[in-house]
Amino acid sequence: DNSDQVAASIAGQMASFNAAVQYYTKESGTAGVNNDFEQTRFVVGYKTGPFSLAVDYAVTETDTKSIDAETTGLNFVYNAATGVQLYAGARNAQANSGVEDENAFLMGARVKF
């Protein structure tokens, strides 16, 4: 396989704010195949006391446009007690130049032992 792959990420925190950027690309090395893949993601968050909030955005592109997509999310976490988290999130995903447009809402809890 003659594919080339590059991945990088950087994250930082200042006071209650944090941010991250991620990048991934894969160039197809197969003769006659032109389906290079590239993904970029941005995340910005804020934490105060037991509450956390994050907004993220990601875009995926391919040469053949077979899976070009964008997704945006809004996520909340509440640390209810030691080892207990409640979370909620909303996400929009679009593909095929906006022809496919889906929304998702989720809620749940996590307990650490």
Protein backbone atom coordinates (compact mmCIF):
# COMPACT_ATOMS: atom_id res chain seq x y z
CA ASP A 1 0.00 0.00 0.00
CA ASN A 2 1.51 3.32 -1.07
CA SER A 3 -0.94 5.46 0.90
CA ASP A 4 0.33 8.51 2.77
CA GLN A 5 -1.29 9.42 6.09
CA VAL A 6 -0.86 12.47 8.29
CA ALA A 7 -2.57 13.11 11.63
CA ALA A 8 -2.09 15.99 14.03
CA SER A 9 -3.86 17.53 17.00
CA ILE A 10 -3.28 20.32 19.46
CA ALA A 11 -5.22 21.21 22.59
CA GLY A 12 -4.92 23.84 25.23
CA GLN A 13 -6.57 25.22 28.33
CA MET A 14 -6.66 28.69 29.83
CA ALA A 15 -8.58 29.16 33.08
CA SER A 16 -12.01 27.58 32.49
CA PHE A 17 -11.77 27.55 28.67
CA ASN A 18 -10.29 24.81 26.52
CA ALA A 19 -9.93 24.24 22.80
CA ALA A 20 -8.65 21.60 20.43
CA VAL A 21 -7.98 21.23 16.71
CA GLN A 22 -7.55 17.88 14.98
CA TYR A 23 -6.54 17.12 11.40
CA TYR A 24 -6.27 13.84 9.49
CA THR A 25 -5.58 13.13 5.84
CA LYS A 26 -5.00 9.99 3.82
CA GLU A 27 -3.88 10.06 0.21
CA SER A 28 -4.61 6.94 -1.76
CA GLY A 29 -1.49 5.42 -3.28
CA THR A 30 -3.35 2.90 -5.41
CA ALA A 31 -2.97 3.46 -9.15
CA GLY A 32 -6.22 4.60 -10.76
CA VAL A 33 -7.90 5.27 -7.41
CA ASN A 34 -8.46 8.90 -6.58
CA ASN A 35 -10.28 8.91 -3.25
CA ASP A 36 -8.14 11.02 -0.92
CA PHE A 37 -9.69 11.62 2.51
CA GLU A 38 -9.38 14.68 4.75
CA GLN A 39 -10.98 15.46 8.10
CA THR A 40 -10.71 18.56 10.29
CA ARG A 41 -12.33 19.03 13.71
CA PHE A 42 -12.56 22.01 16.09
CA VAL A 43 -13.72 21.85 19.73
CA VAL A 44 -14.23 24.72 22.20
CA GLY A 45 -15.28 24.11 25.78
CA TYR A 46 -15.95 25.82 29.08
CA LYS A 47 -16.06 24.37 32.60
CA THR A 48 -17.33 25.98 35.78
CA GLY A 49 -17.94 24.05 38.98
CA PRO A 50 -19.73 20.80 38.19
CA PHE A 51 -20.86 21.97 34.72
CA SER A 52 -19.10 21.56 31.37
CA LEU A 53 -20.17 22.79 27.95
CA ALA A 54 -18.55 22.07 24.59
CA VAL A 55 -19.26 23.00 20.97
CA ASP A 56 -17.62 21.06 18.16
CA TYR A 57 -17.52 21.22 14.39
CA ALA A 58 -16.04 18.69 11.96
CA VAL A 59 -15.81 18.54 8.20
CA THR A 60 -14.91 15.50 6.11
CA GLU A 61 -13.99 15.71 2.43
CA THR A 62 -13.10 13.14 -0.21
CA ASP A 63 -12.03 13.56 -3.83
CA THR A 64 -14.99 11.57 -5.09
CA LYS A 65 -17.44 13.48 -2.85
CA SER A 66 -18.78 10.09 -1.76
CA ILE A 67 -18.82 10.96 1.95
CA ASP A 68 -18.35 14.73 2.16
CA ALA A 69 -20.02 15.75 5.40
CA GLU A 70 -20.23 18.35 8.16
CA THR A 71 -21.29 17.83 11.75
CA THR A 72 -21.89 20.29 14.57
CA GLY A 73 -22.52 19.38 18.20
CA LEU A 74 -23.45 21.01 21.48
CA ASN A 75 -22.70 18.94 24.59
CA PHE A 76 -23.34 19.38 28.33
CA VAL A 77 -21.98 17.41 31.27
CA TYR A 78 -22.99 17.73 34.91
CA ASN A 79 -20.86 16.04 37.58
CA ALA A 80 -23.63 15.13 40.00
CA ALA A 81 -21.42 13.34 42.53
CA THR A 82 -18.03 11.65 42.65
CA GLY A 83 -18.02 9.18 39.78
CA VAL A 84 -21.52 10.13 38.53
CA GLN A 85 -22.04 12.24 35.40
CA LEU A 86 -25.20 13.27 33.61
CA TYR A 87 -24.86 14.35 30.00
CA ALA A 88 -26.95 15.73 27.17
CA GLY A 89 -26.08 16.56 23.61
CA ALA A 90 -27.48 17.76 20.33
CA ARG A 91 -25.87 17.10 16.95
CA ASN A 92 -26.59 18.07 13.36
CA ALA A 93 -24.98 16.13 10.53
CA GLN A 94 -25.18 17.07 6.87
CA ALA A 95 -23.90 15.17 3.87
CA ASN A 96 -24.26 15.21 0.11
CA SER A 97 -24.21 19.06 -0.07
CA GLY A 98 -26.98 19.35 2.51
CA VAL A 99 -29.35 16.90 0.80
CA GLU A 100 -29.00 14.61 3.79
CA ASP A 101 -29.61 16.56 7.00
CA GLU A 102 -30.05 14.71 10.31
CA ASN A 103 -30.46 15.86 13.90
CA ALA A 104 -29.81 13.78 16.99
CA PHE A 105 -30.49 14.44 20.67
CA LEU A 106 -29.12 12.27 23.43
CA MET A 107 -29.16 12.13 27.20
CA GLY A 108 -27.65 9.70 29.63
CA ALA A 109 -25.65 9.01 32.73
CA ARG A 110 -22.25 7.51 33.44
CA VAL A 111 -21.20 5.88 36.68
CA LYS A 112 -17.52 5.14 37.36
CA PHE A 113 -16.60 2.36 39.76
